[in-house]
Amino acid sequence: MLTSEKLINLNYFALDKQTCLQDMVALLAENEIISSREDFFTKILEREAMMSTGIGKRIAIPHARANAVTKLSKAFFRVKNELDFEAIDDEPVNLIFMIAIPESMNKDYMKILQAISNFCHEDKNIDQLYNAETIAEANLVLSRIVPKL
């Protein structure tokens, strides 16, 4: 799964959850990962309404499958302040992985989420993301997320 350096922000200041999600969707649109900001953002909000994607340990993985997604990608934001994401552990979020999945990848949906979840359960991976000083360093760490599709 690809993360390009263009889809990484290591110094994001979050006003609130909704604005953060909008900014991540906008970044995906600017990089031609999605063809419609509105359609994909609606899918992201629908998913969040089911249950927060704040998985704990200060990590969130907002995601959606949509026809608006032109290619499987992930955006990554490291949030400078504490963002209330309604996470399952009630802790604020600082690391956010937004996954854009084409509608046609129905079978691979859970494999992709599992790969990210497994990556996030390794403390060394999270520490390296917190300590990355450059986008290139963060991208190198993120490149280790490889789902078995």
C-alpha atoms as a PDB file:
ATOM      1  CA  MET A   1       0.000   0.000   0.000  1.00  0.00           C
ATOM      2  CA  LEU A   2       1.447   3.295  -1.016  1.00  0.00           C
ATOM      3  CA  THR A   3       2.054   6.386   1.004  1.00  0.00           C
ATOM      4  CA  SER A   4       3.819   9.048  -0.944  1.00  0.00           C
ATOM      5  CA  GLU A   5       5.649  11.842   0.791  1.00  0.00           C
ATOM      6  CA  LYS A   6       2.936  14.167  -0.568  1.00  0.00           C
ATOM      7  CA  LEU A   7       0.415  12.399   1.694  1.00  0.00           C
ATOM      8  CA  ILE A   8       2.319  12.919   4.952  1.00  0.00           C
ATOM      9  CA  ASN A   9       2.007  15.854   7.329  1.00  0.00           C
ATOM     10  CA  LEU A  10       4.187  15.700  10.443  1.00  0.00           C
ATOM     11  CA  ASN A  11       3.178  19.078  11.887  1.00  0.00           C
ATOM     12  CA  TYR A  12      -0.601  19.169  11.674  1.00  0.00           C
ATOM     13  CA  PHE A  13      -2.453  21.323  14.203  1.00  0.00           C
ATOM     14  CA  ALA A  14      -5.959  19.958  14.676  1.00  0.00           C
ATOM     15  CA  LEU A  15      -8.876  22.259  15.382  1.00  0.00           C
ATOM     16  CA  ASP A  16     -11.275  19.330  15.804  1.00  0.00           C
ATOM     17  CA  LYS A  17     -11.948  15.851  14.468  1.00  0.00           C
ATOM     18  CA  GLN A  18     -14.214  16.922  11.594  1.00  0.00           C
ATOM     19  CA  THR A  19     -11.797  19.565  10.306  1.00  0.00           C
ATOM     20  CA  CYS A  20      -8.922  17.098  10.523  1.00  0.00           C
ATOM     21  CA  LEU A  21     -10.868  14.531   8.492  1.00  0.00           C
ATOM     22  CA  GLN A  22     -11.783  17.220   5.935  1.00  0.00           C
ATOM     23  CA  ASP A  23      -8.129  18.252   5.620  1.00  0.00           C
ATOM     24  CA  MET A  24      -7.023  14.648   5.093  1.00  0.00           C
ATOM     25  CA  VAL A  25      -9.700  14.128   2.440  1.00  0.00           C
ATOM     26  CA  ALA A  26      -8.628  17.373   0.756  1.00  0.00           C
ATOM     27  CA  LEU A  27      -5.024  16.148   0.671  1.00  0.00           C
ATOM     28  CA  LEU A  28      -6.142  12.900  -0.983  1.00  0.00           C
ATOM     29  CA  ALA A  29      -8.153  14.881  -3.541  1.00  0.00           C
ATOM     30  CA  GLU A  30      -5.260  17.257  -4.294  1.00  0.00           C
ATOM     31  CA  ASN A  31      -3.105  14.225  -5.054  1.00  0.00           C
ATOM     32  CA  GLU A  32      -5.762  12.641  -7.298  1.00  0.00           C
ATOM     33  CA  ILE A  33      -6.345   9.679  -4.984  1.00  0.00           C
ATOM     34  CA  ILE A  34     -10.052  10.452  -4.877  1.00  0.00           C
ATOM     35  CA  SER A  35     -12.221  11.922  -7.597  1.00  0.00           C
ATOM     36  CA  SER A  36     -14.824  13.502  -5.287  1.00  0.00           C
ATOM     37  CA  ARG A  37     -14.068  15.086  -1.929  1.00  0.00           C
ATOM     38  CA  GLU A  38     -17.749  15.200  -1.036  1.00  0.00           C
ATOM     39  CA  ASP A  39     -18.451  11.540  -1.802  1.00  0.00           C
ATOM     40  CA  PHE A  40     -15.403  10.235   0.027  1.00  0.00           C
ATOM     41  CA  PHE A  41     -15.885  12.552   3.005  1.00  0.00           C
ATOM     42  CA  THR A  42     -19.489  11.330   3.295  1.00  0.00           C
ATOM     43  CA  LYS A  43     -18.219   7.719   3.385  1.00  0.00           C
ATOM     44  CA  ILE A  44     -15.649   8.619   6.051  1.00  0.00           C
ATOM     45  CA  LEU A  45     -18.339  10.273   8.205  1.00  0.00           C
ATOM     46  CA  GLU A  46     -20.673   7.300   7.739  1.00  0.00           C
ATOM     47  CA  ARG A  47     -17.929   4.996   8.982  1.00  0.00           C
ATOM     48  CA  GLU A  48     -17.175   7.240  11.966  1.00  0.00           C
ATOM     49  CA  ALA A  49     -20.891   7.332  12.850  1.00  0.00           C
ATOM     50  CA  MET A  50     -20.879   3.534  13.221  1.00  0.00           C
ATOM     51  CA  MET A  51     -17.966   3.630  15.662  1.00  0.00           C
ATOM     52  CA  SER A  52     -14.957   5.855  16.122  1.00  0.00           C
ATOM     53  CA  THR A  53     -11.852   4.691  14.309  1.00  0.00           C
ATOM     54  CA  GLY A  54      -9.754   5.889  17.234  1.00  0.00           C
ATOM     55  CA  ILE A  55      -8.273   2.486  18.106  1.00  0.00           C
ATOM     56  CA  GLY A  56      -6.445   3.512  21.270  1.00  0.00           C
ATOM     57  CA  LYS A  57      -2.795   4.245  22.047  1.00  0.00           C
ATOM     58  CA  ARG A  58      -3.319   7.735  20.538  1.00  0.00           C
ATOM     59  CA  ILE A  59      -3.928   6.262  17.067  1.00  0.00           C
ATOM     60  CA  ALA A  60      -6.854   6.617  14.653  1.00  0.00           C
ATOM     61  CA  ILE A  61      -7.430   4.827  11.365  1.00  0.00           C
ATOM     62  CA  PRO A  62     -10.320   6.550   9.563  1.00  0.00           C
ATOM     63  CA  HIS A  63     -11.112   4.590   6.424  1.00  0.00           C
ATOM     64  CA  ALA A  64     -13.691   4.049   3.737  1.00  0.00           C
ATOM     65  CA  ARG A  65     -14.296   2.096   0.586  1.00  0.00           C
ATOM     66  CA  ALA A  66     -15.768   4.241  -2.169  1.00  0.00           C
ATOM     67  CA  ASN A  67     -16.234   4.547  -5.908  1.00  0.00           C
ATOM     68  CA  ALA A  68     -14.551   7.952  -5.621  1.00  0.00           C
ATOM     69  CA  VAL A  69     -11.223   6.294  -4.743  1.00  0.00           C
ATOM     70  CA  THR A  70      -9.014   6.014  -7.827  1.00  0.00           C
ATOM     71  CA  LYS A  71      -6.235   3.998  -6.169  1.00  0.00           C
ATOM     72  CA  LEU A  72      -5.533   2.403  -2.823  1.00  0.00           C
ATOM     73  CA  SER A  73      -3.622   4.881  -0.673  1.00  0.00           C
ATOM     74  CA  LYS A  74      -3.099   6.122   2.821  1.00  0.00           C
ATOM     75  CA  ALA A  75      -2.480   9.582   4.168  1.00  0.00           C
ATOM     76  CA  PHE A  76      -0.711  10.105   7.479  1.00  0.00           C
ATOM     77  CA  PHE A  77      -0.944  13.060   9.868  1.00  0.00           C
ATOM     78  CA  ARG A  78       1.073  13.466  13.049  1.00  0.00           C
ATOM     79  CA  VAL A  79      -0.972  15.864  15.162  1.00  0.00           C
ATOM     80  CA  LYS A  80       0.994  18.410  17.202  1.00  0.00           C
ATOM     81  CA  ASN A  81      -1.744  18.974  19.761  1.00  0.00           C
ATOM     82  CA  GLU A  82      -4.154  16.588  21.449  1.00  0.00           C
ATOM     83  CA  LEU A  83      -7.129  15.761  19.237  1.00  0.00           C
ATOM     84  CA  ASP A  84     -10.313  14.336  20.727  1.00  0.00           C
ATOM     85  CA  PHE A  85     -11.241  11.535  18.327  1.00  0.00           C
ATOM     86  CA  GLU A  86     -13.718   9.735  20.604  1.00  0.00           C
ATOM     87  CA  ALA A  87     -11.210   6.870  20.759  1.00  0.00           C
ATOM     88  CA  ILE A  88     -12.090   3.593  22.456  1.00  0.00           C
ATOM     89  CA  ASP A  89      -9.679   4.351  25.321  1.00  0.00           C
ATOM     90  CA  ASP A  90     -10.927   7.974  25.665  1.00  0.00           C
ATOM     91  CA  GLU A  91      -7.383   9.232  25.034  1.00  0.00           C
ATOM     92  CA  PRO A  92      -6.639  11.981  22.508  1.00  0.00           C
ATOM     93  CA  VAL A  93      -5.154  11.039  19.138  1.00  0.00           C
ATOM     94  CA  ASN A  94      -1.819  12.136  17.688  1.00  0.00           C
ATOM     95  CA  LEU A  95      -1.232   9.670  14.821  1.00  0.00           C
ATOM     96  CA  ILE A  96      -3.845   9.364  12.087  1.00  0.00           C
ATOM     97  CA  PHE A  97      -3.780   6.986   9.136  1.00  0.00           C
ATOM     98  CA  MET A  98      -6.537   7.691   6.586  1.00  0.00           C
ATOM     99  CA  ILE A  99      -7.118   4.791   4.234  1.00  0.00           C
ATOM    100  CA  ALA A 100      -8.780   5.302   0.865  1.00  0.00           C
ATOM    101  CA  ILE A 101      -9.902   1.991  -0.599  1.00  0.00           C
ATOM    102  CA  PRO A 102     -11.480   1.505  -4.041  1.00  0.00           C
ATOM    103  CA  GLU A 103     -14.974   0.016  -3.913  1.00  0.00           C
ATOM    104  CA  SER A 104     -13.760  -2.885  -6.046  1.00  0.00           C
ATOM    105  CA  MET A 105     -11.328  -4.038  -3.323  1.00  0.00           C
ATOM    106  CA  ASN A 106     -14.058  -5.565  -1.169  1.00  0.00           C
ATOM    107  CA  LYS A 107     -12.121  -8.780  -0.416  1.00  0.00           C
ATOM    108  CA  ASP A 108      -8.968  -6.933   0.580  1.00  0.00           C
ATOM    109  CA  TYR A 109     -10.601  -4.362   2.862  1.00  0.00           C
ATOM    110  CA  MET A 110      -9.999  -6.232   6.115  1.00  0.00           C
ATOM    111  CA  LYS A 111      -6.478  -7.318   5.115  1.00  0.00           C
ATOM    112  CA  ILE A 112      -5.515  -3.689   4.673  1.00  0.00           C
ATOM    113  CA  LEU A 113      -6.903  -2.668   8.058  1.00  0.00           C
ATOM    114  CA  GLN A 114      -5.256  -5.679   9.711  1.00  0.00           C
ATOM    115  CA  ALA A 115      -1.848  -4.765   8.273  1.00  0.00           C
ATOM    116  CA  ILE A 116      -2.099  -1.250   9.690  1.00  0.00           C
ATOM    117  CA  SER A 117      -3.399  -2.490  13.024  1.00  0.00           C
ATOM    118  CA  ASN A 118      -0.541  -5.006  13.298  1.00  0.00           C
ATOM    119  CA  PHE A 119       1.950  -2.266  12.435  1.00  0.00           C
ATOM    120  CA  CYS A 120       0.467  -0.026  15.142  1.00  0.00           C
ATOM    121  CA  HIS A 121       0.730  -2.712  17.809  1.00  0.00           C
ATOM    122  CA  GLU A 122       4.532  -2.625  17.510  1.00  0.00           C
ATOM    123  CA  ASP A 123       5.724   0.094  19.885  1.00  0.00           C
ATOM    124  CA  LYS A 124       8.953   0.585  17.916  1.00  0.00           C
ATOM    125  CA  ASN A 125       6.942   1.535  14.801  1.00  0.00           C
ATOM    126  CA  ILE A 126       4.929   4.111  16.723  1.00  0.00           C
ATOM    127  CA  ASP A 127       8.033   5.480  18.435  1.00  0.00           C
ATOM    128  CA  GLN A 128       9.725   5.874  15.049  1.00  0.00           C
ATOM    129  CA  LEU A 129       6.722   7.805  13.703  1.00  0.00           C
ATOM    130  CA  TYR A 130       6.729  10.118  16.728  1.00  0.00           C
ATOM    131  CA  ASN A 131      10.483  10.644  16.384  1.00  0.00           C
ATOM    132  CA  ALA A 132      10.689  11.051  12.607  1.00  0.00           C
ATOM    133  CA  GLU A 133      12.270  14.398  11.886  1.00  0.00           C
ATOM    134  CA  THR A 134      11.562  14.463   8.169  1.00  0.00           C
ATOM    135  CA  ILE A 135       8.795  13.326   5.873  1.00  0.00           C
ATOM    136  CA  ALA A 136      11.287  10.989   4.189  1.00  0.00           C
ATOM    137  CA  GLU A 137      11.996   9.292   7.537  1.00  0.00           C
ATOM    138  CA  ALA A 138       8.279   8.901   8.255  1.00  0.00           C
ATOM    139  CA  ASN A 139       7.658   7.553   4.766  1.00  0.00           C
ATOM    140  CA  LEU A 140      10.366   4.939   5.250  1.00  0.00           C
ATOM    141  CA  VAL A 141       8.676   3.752   8.450  1.00  0.00           C
ATOM    142  CA  LEU A 142       5.224   3.779   6.815  1.00  0.00           C
ATOM    143  CA  SER A 143       6.517   1.793   3.845  1.00  0.00           C
ATOM    144  CA  ARG A 144       6.751  -1.226   6.175  1.00  0.00           C
ATOM    145  CA  ILE A 145       2.954  -1.508   6.177  1.00  0.00           C
ATOM    146  CA  VAL A 146       2.407  -4.145   3.508  1.00  0.00           C
ATOM    147  CA  PRO A 147      -0.924  -5.986   3.448  1.00  0.00           C
ATOM    148  CA  LYS A 148      -0.975  -9.505   2.039  1.00  0.00           C
ATOM    149  CA  LEU A 149      -3.426  -8.983  -0.814  1.00  0.00           C
END
